[in-house]
Amino acid sequence: MKIGTDGVLLGAWATIKQNPFSILDIGAGTGVLSLMLAQRCQAEIIDALEIDNNAYEQCVDNFEQSPWGDRLFCYHASIEEFADEIDDKYDLIICNPPFYSENYQGDNKQRNLARFQDAMSFAHLNECVAMLLSNEGVFSVVIPFKEELEFIKIASRFELFPNRILHVKGTPTSERKRSLIEFSFHKSEIKKEALIIETSRHQYTEDYINLTKDFYLKM
């Protein structure tokens, strides 16, 4: 599976100001988010969850080959299984969850599992996050902009409240495509920001370059 812009944005944007000791990456795919957080902070525990066999094997291989292999561990499990069995709490939980990016499902079952919301409902995700997040912890997620209000409504049922939101547009004239949202158990005034990725094809904005340049070989 390719590395998507959504994951790179979330991995670069997620706050580490609280100096997290432990991080959980839900639906890790090939491990990009976990690797980015390992590069950005000194968290001693960075756990990842991945249910797809091939993605899990590649994630483990990527972790082992990275400079941070001693801090990274991938579980081959669903979030429901993990939340039921693990008593640990995490200071930062990150997730690039599956969702409907088109109006139909394609023929590739693996990509369907990774991309479509029926593989992990927003309600199940928020319920499990609320079980696994520490009292002062932060939950950061990237979702389609059109799902923002519904996601926030669902999260509030589990006492998770938005503190920061980043709205992402592909170009200056395009519609808002993604919402990056940071939640915690504490209500606060929501800090809202906006980001445009490109001014034209492959002409990246200064804001996008400044956010992601540490993670690209050529930027």
N, C-alpha and C. Protein backbone atom coordinates (compact mmCIF):
# COMPACT_ATOMS: atom_id res chain seq x y z
N MET A 1 0.84 -1.20 0.00
CA MET A 1 0.00 0.00 0.00
C MET A 1 0.87 1.25 0.00
N LYS A 2 0.48 2.22 -0.79
CA LYS A 2 1.26 3.46 -0.89
C LYS A 2 1.14 4.28 0.38
N ILE A 3 2.13 5.13 0.59
CA ILE A 3 2.07 6.09 1.68
C ILE A 3 1.20 7.26 1.23
N GLY A 4 0.11 7.50 1.95
CA GLY A 4 -0.82 8.55 1.56
C GLY A 4 -0.52 9.87 2.24
N THR A 5 -0.99 10.94 1.62
CA THR A 5 -0.81 12.28 2.19
C THR A 5 -1.49 12.39 3.56
N ASP A 6 -2.63 11.73 3.73
CA ASP A 6 -3.35 11.80 5.01
C ASP A 6 -2.46 11.37 6.16
N GLY A 7 -1.79 10.23 5.99
CA GLY A 7 -0.94 9.71 7.05
C GLY A 7 0.24 10.62 7.34
N VAL A 8 0.86 11.14 6.30
CA VAL A 8 2.00 12.03 6.47
C VAL A 8 1.58 13.29 7.22
N LEU A 9 0.44 13.86 6.83
CA LEU A 9 -0.06 15.06 7.51
C LEU A 9 -0.31 14.78 8.99
N LEU A 10 -0.99 13.66 9.28
CA LEU A 10 -1.32 13.37 10.67
C LEU A 10 -0.06 13.11 11.50
N GLY A 11 0.88 12.35 10.93
CA GLY A 11 2.11 12.05 11.65
C GLY A 11 2.94 13.28 11.96
N ALA A 12 2.87 14.27 11.07
CA ALA A 12 3.63 15.51 11.27
C ALA A 12 2.89 16.49 12.19
N TRP A 13 1.55 16.45 12.15
CA TRP A 13 0.72 17.44 12.86
C TRP A 13 0.41 17.05 14.29
N ALA A 14 0.29 15.77 14.57
CA ALA A 14 -0.10 15.30 15.90
C ALA A 14 0.81 15.90 16.97
N THR A 15 0.22 16.41 18.03
CA THR A 15 1.00 17.10 19.05
C THR A 15 1.84 16.13 19.89
N ILE A 16 3.05 16.56 20.23
CA ILE A 16 3.89 15.80 21.15
C ILE A 16 4.35 16.71 22.29
N LYS A 17 3.64 17.83 22.46
CA LYS A 17 4.01 18.81 23.49
C LYS A 17 3.94 18.21 24.89
N GLN A 18 3.08 17.19 25.06
CA GLN A 18 2.93 16.57 26.37
C GLN A 18 4.04 15.54 26.64
N ASN A 19 5.01 15.42 25.71
CA ASN A 19 6.10 14.45 25.86
C ASN A 19 5.56 13.06 26.20
N PRO A 20 4.82 12.46 25.28
CA PRO A 20 4.17 11.18 25.59
C PRO A 20 5.19 10.09 25.91
N PHE A 21 4.86 9.31 26.94
CA PHE A 21 5.67 8.14 27.28
C PHE A 21 5.25 6.95 26.41
N SER A 22 3.94 6.88 26.13
CA SER A 22 3.40 5.75 25.37
C SER A 22 2.48 6.24 24.26
N ILE A 23 2.59 5.61 23.09
CA ILE A 23 1.81 5.97 21.91
C ILE A 23 1.17 4.72 21.33
N LEU A 24 -0.07 4.85 20.85
CA LEU A 24 -0.75 3.75 20.17
C LEU A 24 -1.20 4.22 18.79
N ASP A 25 -0.86 3.44 17.78
CA ASP A 25 -1.23 3.71 16.39
C ASP A 25 -2.27 2.67 15.98
N ILE A 26 -3.51 3.10 15.80
CA ILE A 26 -4.61 2.18 15.48
C ILE A 26 -4.76 2.06 13.96
N GLY A 27 -4.70 0.83 13.46
CA GLY A 27 -4.78 0.60 12.02
C GLY A 27 -3.51 1.10 11.35
N ALA A 28 -2.39 0.52 11.77
CA ALA A 28 -1.08 1.08 11.43
C ALA A 28 -0.70 0.95 9.96
N GLY A 29 -1.34 0.04 9.24
CA GLY A 29 -0.90 -0.19 7.86
C GLY A 29 0.53 -0.67 7.85
N THR A 30 1.38 0.01 7.11
CA THR A 30 2.79 -0.39 7.04
C THR A 30 3.64 0.32 8.08
N GLY A 31 3.01 1.06 8.99
CA GLY A 31 3.72 1.60 10.14
C GLY A 31 4.22 3.02 10.02
N VAL A 32 3.76 3.73 9.00
CA VAL A 32 4.30 5.07 8.73
C VAL A 32 4.08 6.03 9.91
N LEU A 33 2.87 6.06 10.45
CA LEU A 33 2.58 6.98 11.56
C LEU A 33 3.47 6.69 12.76
N SER A 34 3.60 5.43 13.11
CA SER A 34 4.44 5.04 14.26
C SER A 34 5.88 5.46 14.03
N LEU A 35 6.38 5.24 12.83
CA LEU A 35 7.77 5.60 12.51
C LEU A 35 7.98 7.11 12.58
N MET A 36 7.00 7.87 12.10
CA MET A 36 7.11 9.33 12.16
C MET A 36 7.14 9.81 13.60
N LEU A 37 6.28 9.23 14.45
CA LEU A 37 6.27 9.64 15.86
C LEU A 37 7.54 9.20 16.57
N ALA A 38 8.09 8.06 16.19
CA ALA A 38 9.36 7.63 16.78
C ALA A 38 10.47 8.60 16.41
N GLN A 39 10.42 9.14 15.20
CA GLN A 39 11.40 10.13 14.76
C GLN A 39 11.23 11.45 15.49
N ARG A 40 9.99 11.81 15.80
CA ARG A 40 9.69 13.13 16.36
C ARG A 40 9.87 13.22 17.87
N CYS A 41 9.70 12.11 18.59
CA CYS A 41 9.70 12.20 20.04
C CYS A 41 10.43 11.02 20.68
N GLN A 42 10.56 11.09 22.00
CA GLN A 42 11.32 10.08 22.75
C GLN A 42 10.42 9.07 23.46
N ALA A 43 9.18 8.94 23.03
CA ALA A 43 8.27 7.98 23.66
C ALA A 43 8.93 6.60 23.76
N GLU A 44 8.86 5.99 24.93
CA GLU A 44 9.54 4.71 25.14
C GLU A 44 8.72 3.54 24.63
N ILE A 45 7.41 3.72 24.55
CA ILE A 45 6.52 2.66 24.05
C ILE A 45 5.72 3.20 22.87
N ILE A 46 5.89 2.59 21.71
CA ILE A 46 5.09 2.94 20.54
C ILE A 46 4.51 1.64 19.99
N ASP A 47 3.24 1.40 20.32
CA ASP A 47 2.55 0.19 19.90
C ASP A 47 1.68 0.48 18.68
N ALA A 48 1.59 -0.50 17.80
CA ALA A 48 0.77 -0.37 16.60
C ALA A 48 -0.18 -1.55 16.51
N LEU A 49 -1.35 -1.32 15.94
CA LEU A 49 -2.33 -2.38 15.70
C LEU A 49 -2.59 -2.49 14.21
N GLU A 50 -2.55 -3.70 13.68
CA GLU A 50 -2.88 -3.90 12.27
C GLU A 50 -3.52 -5.27 12.10
N ILE A 51 -4.68 -5.32 11.46
CA ILE A 51 -5.44 -6.56 11.34
C ILE A 51 -5.16 -7.30 10.03
N ASP A 52 -4.76 -6.57 8.98
CA ASP A 52 -4.49 -7.19 7.68
C ASP A 52 -3.15 -7.92 7.72
N ASN A 53 -3.13 -9.15 7.24
CA ASN A 53 -1.93 -9.99 7.33
C ASN A 53 -0.73 -9.37 6.62
N ASN A 54 -0.91 -8.98 5.37
CA ASN A 54 0.22 -8.47 4.58
C ASN A 54 0.74 -7.15 5.13
N ALA A 55 -0.17 -6.27 5.50
CA ALA A 55 0.24 -4.98 6.07
C ALA A 55 0.97 -5.20 7.39
N TYR A 56 0.45 -6.12 8.21
CA TYR A 56 1.09 -6.43 9.50
C TYR A 56 2.53 -6.90 9.29
N GLU A 57 2.73 -7.83 8.36
CA GLU A 57 4.08 -8.36 8.12
C GLU A 57 5.02 -7.26 7.63
N GLN A 58 4.52 -6.37 6.76
CA GLN A 58 5.37 -5.29 6.28
C GLN A 58 5.65 -4.28 7.39
N CYS A 59 4.65 -4.04 8.24
CA CYS A 59 4.84 -3.13 9.37
C CYS A 59 5.95 -3.64 10.30
N VAL A 60 5.89 -4.93 10.65
CA VAL A 60 6.91 -5.53 11.52
C VAL A 60 8.28 -5.40 10.87
N ASP A 61 8.36 -5.67 9.58
CA ASP A 61 9.64 -5.58 8.87
C ASP A 61 10.17 -4.14 8.87
N ASN A 62 9.27 -3.19 8.64
CA ASN A 62 9.67 -1.78 8.64
C ASN A 62 10.17 -1.35 10.02
N PHE A 63 9.49 -1.81 11.07
CA PHE A 63 9.91 -1.49 12.43
C PHE A 63 11.31 -2.04 12.71
N GLU A 64 11.52 -3.29 12.32
CA GLU A 64 12.80 -3.95 12.60
C GLU A 64 13.96 -3.28 11.87
N GLN A 65 13.68 -2.73 10.70
CA GLN A 65 14.74 -2.10 9.90
C GLN A 65 14.97 -0.64 10.27
N SER A 66 14.11 -0.09 11.12
CA SER A 66 14.22 1.33 11.48
C SER A 66 15.23 1.51 12.60
N PRO A 67 15.69 2.75 12.81
CA PRO A 67 16.61 3.03 13.93
C PRO A 67 15.93 2.96 15.30
N TRP A 68 14.60 2.83 15.32
CA TRP A 68 13.84 2.90 16.57
C TRP A 68 13.17 1.57 16.91
N GLY A 69 13.71 0.48 16.38
CA GLY A 69 13.07 -0.82 16.53
C GLY A 69 12.85 -1.25 17.97
N ASP A 70 13.69 -0.76 18.88
CA ASP A 70 13.55 -1.16 20.29
C ASP A 70 12.35 -0.48 20.96
N ARG A 71 11.78 0.53 20.32
CA ARG A 71 10.62 1.24 20.90
C ARG A 71 9.32 0.92 20.19
N LEU A 72 9.40 0.18 19.09
CA LEU A 72 8.24 -0.06 18.23
C LEU A 72 7.79 -1.51 18.32
N PHE A 73 6.47 -1.73 18.41
CA PHE A 73 5.95 -3.09 18.43
C PHE A 73 4.58 -3.10 17.75
N CYS A 74 4.36 -4.07 16.87
CA CYS A 74 3.08 -4.17 16.17
C CYS A 74 2.32 -5.42 16.61
N TYR A 75 1.07 -5.22 16.98
CA TYR A 75 0.17 -6.31 17.33
C TYR A 75 -0.71 -6.66 16.13
N HIS A 76 -0.88 -7.97 15.90
CA HIS A 76 -1.76 -8.43 14.82
C HIS A 76 -3.13 -8.66 15.44
N ALA A 77 -3.93 -7.61 15.54
CA ALA A 77 -5.20 -7.69 16.25
C ALA A 77 -6.11 -6.55 15.84
N SER A 78 -7.40 -6.72 16.09
CA SER A 78 -8.36 -5.64 15.89
C SER A 78 -8.35 -4.74 17.12
N ILE A 79 -8.87 -3.53 16.97
CA ILE A 79 -8.91 -2.59 18.08
C ILE A 79 -9.83 -3.11 19.18
N GLU A 80 -10.92 -3.80 18.81
CA GLU A 80 -11.83 -4.34 19.82
C GLU A 80 -11.13 -5.40 20.67
N GLU A 81 -10.42 -6.32 20.02
CA GLU A 81 -9.68 -7.36 20.75
C GLU A 81 -8.65 -6.73 21.69
N PHE A 82 -7.94 -5.77 21.15
CA PHE A 82 -6.86 -5.14 21.92
C PHE A 82 -7.41 -4.40 23.13
N ALA A 83 -8.47 -3.63 22.93
CA ALA A 83 -9.04 -2.84 24.02
C ALA A 83 -9.59 -3.73 25.13
N ASP A 84 -10.11 -4.90 24.75
CA ASP A 84 -10.67 -5.82 25.75
C ASP A 84 -9.58 -6.49 26.59
N GLU A 85 -8.40 -6.67 26.00
CA GLU A 85 -7.36 -7.46 26.66
C GLU A 85 -6.28 -6.63 27.35
N ILE A 86 -6.11 -5.37 26.93
CA ILE A 86 -5.00 -4.55 27.43
C ILE A 86 -5.49 -3.59 28.50
N ASP A 87 -4.79 -3.55 29.63
CA ASP A 87 -5.15 -2.62 30.71
C ASP A 87 -4.36 -1.32 30.64
N ASP A 88 -3.33 -1.27 29.80
CA ASP A 88 -2.47 -0.10 29.71
C ASP A 88 -3.24 1.10 29.15
N LYS A 89 -2.78 2.30 29.52
CA LYS A 89 -3.32 3.54 28.98
C LYS A 89 -2.21 4.24 28.18
N TYR A 90 -2.61 4.96 27.15
CA TYR A 90 -1.66 5.61 26.26
C TYR A 90 -1.79 7.13 26.33
N ASP A 91 -0.64 7.81 26.25
CA ASP A 91 -0.61 9.27 26.33
C ASP A 91 -0.98 9.92 24.99
N LEU A 92 -0.76 9.20 23.91
CA LEU A 92 -1.12 9.68 22.58
C LEU A 92 -1.64 8.51 21.76
N ILE A 93 -2.82 8.68 21.20
CA ILE A 93 -3.38 7.69 20.29
C ILE A 93 -3.58 8.36 18.94
N ILE A 94 -3.08 7.73 17.90
CA ILE A 94 -3.20 8.28 16.55
C ILE A 94 -3.91 7.27 15.65
N CYS A 95 -4.68 7.78 14.69
CA CYS A 95 -5.41 6.88 13.80
C CYS A 95 -5.73 7.57 12.49
N ASN A 96 -5.40 6.88 11.42
CA ASN A 96 -5.84 7.25 10.07
C ASN A 96 -6.87 6.19 9.69
N PRO A 97 -8.14 6.37 10.10
CA PRO A 97 -9.10 5.27 10.04
C PRO A 97 -9.63 5.02 8.64
N PRO A 98 -10.18 3.83 8.42
CA PRO A 98 -10.82 3.54 7.14
C PRO A 98 -12.08 4.38 6.97
N PHE A 99 -12.35 4.79 5.75
CA PHE A 99 -13.57 5.55 5.49
C PHE A 99 -13.90 5.49 4.01
N TYR A 100 -15.12 5.87 3.69
CA TYR A 100 -15.55 5.92 2.30
C TYR A 100 -14.91 7.11 1.62
N SER A 101 -13.97 6.86 0.71
CA SER A 101 -13.37 7.96 -0.04
C SER A 101 -14.03 8.08 -1.42
N GLU A 102 -14.77 7.05 -1.81
CA GLU A 102 -15.57 7.11 -3.03
C GLU A 102 -16.97 6.61 -2.68
N ASN A 103 -17.83 6.58 -3.68
CA ASN A 103 -19.20 6.14 -3.45
C ASN A 103 -19.40 4.66 -3.74
N TYR A 104 -18.32 3.96 -3.98
CA TYR A 104 -18.42 2.54 -4.27
C TYR A 104 -17.17 1.84 -3.76
N GLN A 105 -17.29 0.52 -3.61
CA GLN A 105 -16.14 -0.26 -3.22
C GLN A 105 -15.57 -0.94 -4.46
N GLY A 106 -14.25 -0.88 -4.60
CA GLY A 106 -13.59 -1.48 -5.76
C GLY A 106 -13.43 -2.98 -5.59
N ASP A 107 -12.67 -3.59 -6.51
CA ASP A 107 -12.50 -5.04 -6.51
C ASP A 107 -11.39 -5.50 -5.58
N ASN A 108 -10.52 -4.60 -5.16
CA ASN A 108 -9.39 -4.98 -4.33
C ASN A 108 -9.84 -5.07 -2.86
N LYS A 109 -9.96 -6.31 -2.36
CA LYS A 109 -10.49 -6.50 -1.01
C LYS A 109 -9.59 -5.91 0.06
N GLN A 110 -8.27 -6.01 -0.14
CA GLN A 110 -7.35 -5.45 0.84
C GLN A 110 -7.52 -3.94 0.94
N ARG A 111 -7.61 -3.28 -0.22
CA ARG A 111 -7.77 -1.83 -0.21
C ARG A 111 -9.13 -1.46 0.38
N ASN A 112 -10.16 -2.27 0.09
CA ASN A 112 -11.46 -2.02 0.70
C ASN A 112 -11.37 -2.05 2.22
N LEU A 113 -10.68 -3.07 2.75
CA LEU A 113 -10.55 -3.20 4.19
C LEU A 113 -9.85 -1.99 4.78
N ALA A 114 -8.85 -1.50 4.08
CA ALA A 114 -8.08 -0.37 4.59
C ALA A 114 -8.81 0.95 4.45
N ARG A 115 -9.65 1.09 3.44
CA ARG A 115 -10.19 2.40 3.09
C ARG A 115 -11.63 2.64 3.51
N PHE A 116 -12.38 1.61 3.81
CA PHE A 116 -13.80 1.83 3.98
C PHE A 116 -14.27 1.65 5.42
N GLN A 117 -15.20 2.51 5.78
CA GLN A 117 -15.58 2.66 7.18
C GLN A 117 -16.21 1.40 7.76
N ASP A 118 -16.78 0.52 6.93
CA ASP A 118 -17.42 -0.66 7.51
C ASP A 118 -16.41 -1.59 8.15
N ALA A 119 -15.11 -1.38 7.91
CA ALA A 119 -14.09 -2.18 8.57
C ALA A 119 -13.86 -1.72 10.01
N MET A 120 -14.19 -0.50 10.33
CA MET A 120 -14.01 0.04 11.69
C MET A 120 -14.93 1.24 11.84
N SER A 121 -16.06 1.06 12.49
CA SER A 121 -17.00 2.17 12.60
C SER A 121 -16.45 3.25 13.51
N PHE A 122 -16.86 4.49 13.26
CA PHE A 122 -16.41 5.61 14.08
C PHE A 122 -16.81 5.41 15.54
N ALA A 123 -17.97 4.82 15.78
CA ALA A 123 -18.42 4.60 17.16
C ALA A 123 -17.50 3.61 17.87
N HIS A 124 -17.19 2.49 17.22
CA HIS A 124 -16.29 1.51 17.81
C HIS A 124 -14.92 2.12 18.07
N LEU A 125 -14.46 2.91 17.14
CA LEU A 125 -13.14 3.54 17.28
C LEU A 125 -13.12 4.44 18.51
N ASN A 126 -14.08 5.33 18.63
CA ASN A 126 -14.10 6.26 19.77
C ASN A 126 -14.31 5.55 21.10
N GLU A 127 -15.13 4.51 21.10
CA GLU A 127 -15.35 3.74 22.33
C GLU A 127 -14.04 3.12 22.81
N CYS A 128 -13.28 2.53 21.88
CA CYS A 128 -12.02 1.88 22.25
C CYS A 128 -10.96 2.91 22.64
N VAL A 129 -10.93 4.04 21.94
CA VAL A 129 -9.99 5.10 22.30
C VAL A 129 -10.24 5.58 23.72
N ALA A 130 -11.52 5.77 24.07
CA ALA A 130 -11.85 6.23 25.41
C ALA A 130 -11.40 5.25 26.49
N MET A 131 -11.38 3.96 26.15
CA MET A 131 -10.92 2.94 27.08
C MET A 131 -9.40 2.96 27.23
N LEU A 132 -8.69 3.32 26.18
CA LEU A 132 -7.24 3.17 26.14
C LEU A 132 -6.46 4.46 26.39
N LEU A 133 -7.14 5.60 26.36
CA LEU A 133 -6.47 6.89 26.50
C LEU A 133 -6.29 7.26 27.97
N SER A 134 -5.10 7.76 28.31
CA SER A 134 -4.86 8.21 29.68
C SER A 134 -5.66 9.48 29.96
N ASN A 135 -5.82 9.83 31.24
CA ASN A 135 -6.66 10.98 31.61
C ASN A 135 -6.21 12.27 30.96
N GLU A 136 -4.89 12.45 30.84
CA GLU A 136 -4.35 13.66 30.22
C GLU A 136 -3.91 13.42 28.78
N GLY A 137 -4.32 12.29 28.22
CA GLY A 137 -3.87 11.90 26.88
C GLY A 137 -4.56 12.66 25.76
N VAL A 138 -4.03 12.47 24.56
CA VAL A 138 -4.51 13.14 23.35
C VAL A 138 -4.78 12.09 22.28
N PHE A 139 -5.89 12.25 21.58
CA PHE A 139 -6.27 11.38 20.46
C PHE A 139 -6.29 12.23 19.19
N SER A 140 -5.47 11.88 18.20
CA SER A 140 -5.40 12.62 16.95
C SER A 140 -5.83 11.72 15.79
N VAL A 141 -6.69 12.25 14.93
CA VAL A 141 -7.29 11.46 13.86
C VAL A 141 -7.43 12.31 12.60
N VAL A 142 -7.42 11.67 11.43
CA VAL A 142 -7.69 12.36 10.18
C VAL A 142 -8.90 11.70 9.52
N ILE A 143 -9.88 12.51 9.11
CA ILE A 143 -11.11 12.01 8.52
C ILE A 143 -11.53 12.93 7.37
N PRO A 144 -12.46 12.49 6.53
CA PRO A 144 -13.00 13.38 5.50
C PRO A 144 -13.69 14.58 6.16
N PHE A 145 -13.52 15.75 5.58
CA PHE A 145 -14.13 16.96 6.14
C PHE A 145 -15.64 16.79 6.30
N LYS A 146 -16.27 16.11 5.35
CA LYS A 146 -17.74 15.95 5.40
C LYS A 146 -18.18 15.10 6.59
N GLU A 147 -17.26 14.36 7.19
CA GLU A 147 -17.59 13.51 8.34
C GLU A 147 -17.29 14.20 9.67
N GLU A 148 -16.77 15.42 9.63
CA GLU A 148 -16.26 16.06 10.85
C GLU A 148 -17.32 16.20 11.94
N LEU A 149 -18.44 16.79 11.62
CA LEU A 149 -19.46 17.05 12.64
C LEU A 149 -19.99 15.75 13.23
N GLU A 150 -20.18 14.74 12.39
CA GLU A 150 -20.68 13.46 12.87
C GLU A 150 -19.65 12.78 13.77
N PHE A 151 -18.38 12.84 13.39
CA PHE A 151 -17.33 12.23 14.20
C PHE A 151 -17.23 12.90 15.57
N ILE A 152 -17.28 14.22 15.58
CA ILE A 152 -17.21 14.96 16.85
C ILE A 152 -18.43 14.63 17.73
N LYS A 153 -19.58 14.50 17.11
CA LYS A 153 -20.80 14.14 17.85
C LYS A 153 -20.66 12.77 18.49
N ILE A 154 -20.13 11.81 17.73
CA ILE A 154 -19.93 10.45 18.26
C ILE A 154 -18.90 10.47 19.38
N ALA A 155 -17.79 11.19 19.17
CA ALA A 155 -16.72 11.24 20.17
C ALA A 155 -17.23 11.81 21.50
N SER A 156 -18.13 12.79 21.42
CA SER A 156 -18.63 13.43 22.64
C SER A 156 -19.40 12.45 23.51
N ARG A 157 -19.98 11.41 22.90
CA ARG A 157 -20.69 10.39 23.69
C ARG A 157 -19.74 9.65 24.61
N PHE A 158 -18.46 9.67 24.29
CA PHE A 158 -17.45 8.98 25.10
C PHE A 158 -16.55 9.98 25.84
N GLU A 159 -17.08 11.20 26.01
CA GLU A 159 -16.39 12.25 26.77
C GLU A 159 -15.08 12.68 26.12
N LEU A 160 -15.00 12.55 24.79
CA LEU A 160 -13.84 13.02 24.03
C LEU A 160 -14.23 14.31 23.33
N PHE A 161 -13.44 15.37 23.54
CA PHE A 161 -13.80 16.70 23.04
C PHE A 161 -12.70 17.26 22.16
N PRO A 162 -13.05 17.92 21.05
CA PRO A 162 -12.04 18.48 20.15
C PRO A 162 -11.34 19.70 20.74
N ASN A 163 -10.02 19.72 20.63
CA ASN A 163 -9.22 20.86 21.11
C ASN A 163 -8.53 21.60 19.96
N ARG A 164 -8.14 20.88 18.93
CA ARG A 164 -7.50 21.47 17.74
C ARG A 164 -8.09 20.83 16.49
N ILE A 165 -8.26 21.64 15.45
CA ILE A 165 -8.74 21.14 14.16
C ILE A 165 -7.93 21.80 13.04
N LEU A 166 -7.47 20.98 12.10
CA LEU A 166 -6.80 21.49 10.90
C LEU A 166 -7.62 21.07 9.69
N HIS A 167 -8.09 22.07 8.90
CA HIS A 167 -8.82 21.80 7.68
C HIS A 167 -7.85 21.83 6.49
N VAL A 168 -7.90 20.79 5.68
CA VAL A 168 -6.93 20.63 4.59
C VAL A 168 -7.62 20.73 3.23
N LYS A 169 -7.03 21.57 2.37
CA LYS A 169 -7.48 21.70 0.99
C LYS A 169 -6.34 21.32 0.06
N GLY A 170 -6.67 20.67 -1.06
CA GLY A 170 -5.64 20.29 -2.01
C GLY A 170 -5.02 21.48 -2.70
N THR A 171 -5.85 22.43 -3.12
CA THR A 171 -5.41 23.65 -3.79
C THR A 171 -6.21 24.83 -3.24
N PRO A 172 -5.79 26.06 -3.54
CA PRO A 172 -6.53 27.22 -3.03
C PRO A 172 -7.99 27.27 -3.46
N THR A 173 -8.31 26.69 -4.61
CA THR A 173 -9.68 26.79 -5.13
C THR A 173 -10.51 25.54 -4.87
N SER A 174 -9.92 24.50 -4.33
CA SER A 174 -10.66 23.26 -4.09
C SER A 174 -11.40 23.33 -2.76
N GLU A 175 -12.34 22.42 -2.57
CA GLU A 175 -13.08 22.35 -1.33
C GLU A 175 -12.22 21.73 -0.23
N ARG A 176 -12.61 21.98 1.01
CA ARG A 176 -11.93 21.34 2.13
C ARG A 176 -12.11 19.82 2.02
N LYS A 177 -11.00 19.11 2.07
CA LYS A 177 -11.03 17.67 1.81
C LYS A 177 -10.92 16.84 3.09
N ARG A 178 -10.05 17.24 3.99
CA ARG A 178 -9.78 16.47 5.20
C ARG A 178 -9.86 17.35 6.45
N SER A 179 -10.18 16.70 7.56
CA SER A 179 -10.12 17.34 8.88
C SER A 179 -9.18 16.52 9.75
N LEU A 180 -8.16 17.17 10.29
CA LEU A 180 -7.33 16.56 11.31
C LEU A 180 -7.81 17.11 12.65
N ILE A 181 -8.18 16.22 13.55
CA ILE A 181 -8.79 16.64 14.81
C ILE A 181 -8.04 16.03 15.98
N GLU A 182 -7.80 16.86 16.98
CA GLU A 182 -7.15 16.42 18.22
C GLU A 182 -8.19 16.47 19.34
N PHE A 183 -8.38 15.34 20.01
CA PHE A 183 -9.35 15.22 21.09
C PHE A 183 -8.65 14.97 22.42
N SER A 184 -9.34 15.32 23.50
CA SER A 184 -8.92 14.92 24.84
C SER A 184 -10.18 14.80 25.70
N PHE A 185 -9.99 14.43 26.96
CA PHE A 185 -11.12 14.36 27.89
C PHE A 185 -11.46 15.73 28.47
N HIS A 186 -10.77 16.77 28.03
CA HIS A 186 -10.95 18.11 28.59
C HIS A 186 -11.52 19.06 27.54
N LYS A 187 -12.60 19.72 27.87
CA LYS A 187 -13.18 20.72 26.97
C LYS A 187 -12.33 21.97 26.97
N SER A 188 -12.18 22.57 25.80
CA SER A 188 -11.45 23.84 25.68
C SER A 188 -11.94 24.55 24.43
N GLU A 189 -11.53 25.80 24.30
CA GLU A 189 -11.81 26.51 23.06
C GLU A 189 -11.04 25.83 21.93
N ILE A 190 -11.72 25.56 20.82
CA ILE A 190 -11.11 24.81 19.74
C ILE A 190 -10.20 25.73 18.91
N LYS A 191 -8.95 25.32 18.76
CA LYS A 191 -8.01 26.06 17.92
C LYS A 191 -8.14 25.53 16.50
N LYS A 192 -8.61 26.39 15.58
CA LYS A 192 -8.83 25.97 14.20
C LYS A 192 -7.78 26.60 13.27
N GLU A 193 -7.24 25.77 12.38
CA GLU A 193 -6.26 26.21 11.40
C GLU A 193 -6.62 25.64 10.03
N ALA A 194 -5.99 26.16 9.00
CA ALA A 194 -6.22 25.68 7.64
C ALA A 194 -4.88 25.44 6.95
N LEU A 195 -4.87 24.48 6.05
CA LEU A 195 -3.66 24.15 5.30
C LEU A 195 -4.02 23.86 3.85
N ILE A 196 -3.28 24.47 2.94
CA ILE A 196 -3.40 24.17 1.51
C ILE A 196 -2.14 23.42 1.09
N ILE A 197 -2.31 22.31 0.38
CA ILE A 197 -1.17 21.45 0.04
C ILE A 197 -0.38 21.99 -1.15
N GLU A 198 -1.07 22.32 -2.24
CA GLU A 198 -0.39 22.74 -3.47
C GLU A 198 -1.00 24.03 -4.03
N THR A 199 -0.17 24.83 -4.67
CA THR A 199 -0.70 25.96 -5.45
C THR A 199 -1.02 25.50 -6.86
N SER A 200 -0.25 24.53 -7.36
CA SER A 200 -0.51 23.84 -8.63
C SER A 200 0.16 22.48 -8.54
N ARG A 201 0.05 21.67 -9.56
CA ARG A 201 0.54 20.29 -9.50
C ARG A 201 2.01 20.24 -9.09
N HIS A 202 2.28 19.59 -7.95
CA HIS A 202 3.63 19.40 -7.41
C HIS A 202 4.32 20.71 -7.00
N GLN A 203 3.55 21.79 -6.93
CA GLN A 203 4.08 23.05 -6.40
C GLN A 203 3.52 23.23 -4.99
N TYR A 204 4.26 22.74 -4.02
CA TYR A 204 3.76 22.67 -2.65
C TYR A 204 3.86 24.03 -1.96
N THR A 205 2.88 24.28 -1.09
CA THR A 205 2.87 25.55 -0.35
C THR A 205 3.95 25.53 0.73
N GLU A 206 4.32 26.71 1.16
CA GLU A 206 5.33 26.82 2.21
C GLU A 206 4.85 26.17 3.51
N ASP A 207 3.57 26.31 3.81
CA ASP A 207 3.01 25.70 5.02
C ASP A 207 3.14 24.18 4.98
N TYR A 208 2.82 23.59 3.83
CA TYR A 208 2.90 22.13 3.70
C TYR A 208 4.35 21.65 3.79
N ILE A 209 5.25 22.38 3.14
CA ILE A 209 6.67 22.03 3.18
C ILE A 209 7.20 22.10 4.61
N ASN A 210 6.87 23.17 5.32
CA ASN A 210 7.35 23.34 6.69
C ASN A 210 6.83 22.25 7.62
N LEU A 211 5.60 21.78 7.37
CA LEU A 211 5.02 20.76 8.22
C LEU A 211 5.64 19.38 7.96
N THR A 212 5.94 19.08 6.70
CA THR A 212 6.27 17.68 6.35
C THR A 212 7.71 17.46 5.89
N LYS A 213 8.53 18.50 5.78
CA LYS A 213 9.84 18.36 5.15
C LYS A 213 10.76 17.38 5.86
N ASP A 214 10.57 17.19 7.16
CA ASP A 214 11.44 16.26 7.91
C ASP A 214 11.20 14.80 7.53
N PHE A 215 10.16 14.55 6.74
CA PHE A 215 9.79 13.16 6.46
C PHE A 215 9.88 12.79 4.99
N TYR A 216 10.29 13.73 4.16
CA TYR A 216 10.49 13.44 2.74
C TYR A 216 11.98 13.56 2.39
N LEU A 217 12.46 12.68 1.54
CA LEU A 217 13.85 12.77 1.09
C LEU A 217 14.06 13.98 0.18
N LYS A 218 13.03 14.28 -0.61
CA LYS A 218 13.11 15.41 -1.52
C LYS A 218 11.91 16.32 -1.27
N MET A 219 12.12 17.44 -0.63
CA MET A 219 11.03 18.40 -0.36
C MET A 219 11.61 19.80 -0.29
